[in-house]
Every structure is written in structure tokens, then in C-alpha cells.
Protein backbone atom coordinates (compact mmCIF):
# COMPACT_ATOMS: atom_id res chain seq x y z
CA MET A 1 0.00 0.00 0.00
CA SER A 2 1.31 3.43 -0.96
CA GLU A 3 0.21 6.69 0.68
CA LYS A 4 0.71 10.25 -0.52
CA LYS A 5 -0.12 13.48 1.30
CA ILE A 6 -1.37 16.16 -1.08
CA LYS A 7 -1.48 19.83 -0.11
CA PHE A 8 -4.10 22.26 -1.36
CA GLU A 9 -4.44 26.04 -1.12
CA PHE A 10 -7.47 28.32 -1.31
CA GLU A 11 -8.51 29.18 -4.85
CA LYS A 12 -12.12 30.41 -4.88
CA GLU A 13 -15.18 30.69 -2.65
CA ASN A 14 -18.59 29.64 -4.00
CA LYS A 15 -22.06 29.79 -2.47
CA ASN A 16 -21.82 26.59 -0.39
CA SER A 17 -18.27 25.40 -0.98
CA ILE A 18 -14.64 26.43 -1.28
CA ARG A 19 -12.43 25.37 -4.17
CA TYR A 20 -8.83 24.44 -3.39
CA LYS A 21 -6.07 23.90 -5.94
CA GLU A 22 -3.33 21.34 -5.52
CA VAL A 23 0.17 22.54 -4.65
CA THR A 24 2.55 20.46 -6.77
CA GLU A 25 6.10 19.48 -5.87
CA ASN A 26 9.17 19.72 -8.09
CA GLU A 27 7.13 20.75 -11.14
CA MET A 28 5.32 17.39 -11.19
CA PRO A 29 1.84 17.27 -12.75
CA PRO A 30 -1.09 17.40 -10.30
CA ILE A 31 -2.42 14.12 -8.93
CA ILE A 32 -5.95 15.38 -8.17
CA GLY A 33 -6.09 18.99 -9.41
CA SER A 34 -8.82 21.04 -7.75
CA ILE A 35 -11.29 19.91 -5.11
CA TYR A 36 -14.42 21.40 -3.56
CA VAL A 37 -14.96 21.28 0.20
CA GLN A 38 -18.22 22.29 1.84
CA LYS A 39 -18.06 25.56 3.79
CA TRP A 40 -19.49 24.03 6.97
CA TYR A 41 -16.34 21.86 7.16
CA ALA A 42 -13.68 24.10 5.63
CA ASN A 43 -14.60 27.21 7.66
CA ASN A 44 -11.88 29.77 6.93
CA SER A 45 -9.05 27.35 6.16
CA LYS A 46 -6.69 28.66 3.49
CA ASN A 47 -4.71 25.40 3.30
CA ILE A 48 -5.76 21.78 3.60
CA GLU A 49 -4.04 18.41 3.25
CA ILE A 50 -5.47 15.11 2.01
CA THR A 51 -3.92 11.66 2.26
CA ILE A 52 -4.57 9.31 -0.65
CA SER A 53 -3.83 5.58 -0.59
CA LYS A 54 -3.38 3.04 -3.39
CA LYS A 55 -4.81 -0.33 -2.30
CA ASP A 56 -3.05 -2.62 -4.80
């Protein structure tokens, strides 16, 4: 199993959600790209981190 922590930074605020864009490392292409997180959870967070696992 392989795990990767992916960092995101604030990009845009919508009516009910906040869009975050992936912060890439060493000029690598993005793994996920942009994600939307509901405002009730994100609150005023400008940066978030997600852990993704491959289950092969």
C-alpha cells in the first residue's frame, strides 16, 4: 500500500463550498487537481491536506 499526502491552497469561494487547488512538488503534474470542500467543514481554512492511498 502506498500513501501520498497532497497539499491544497485556497482558490475560490462559491455559495456553499470552497475550491482548493493542488500545490505540486518539483514541477510534477497534479495528482488530483482542484477539489471542492463544503463551507461548513472548511470554515476559513486557506490550506488543507489530504492523504490518498493506493490499495493494490
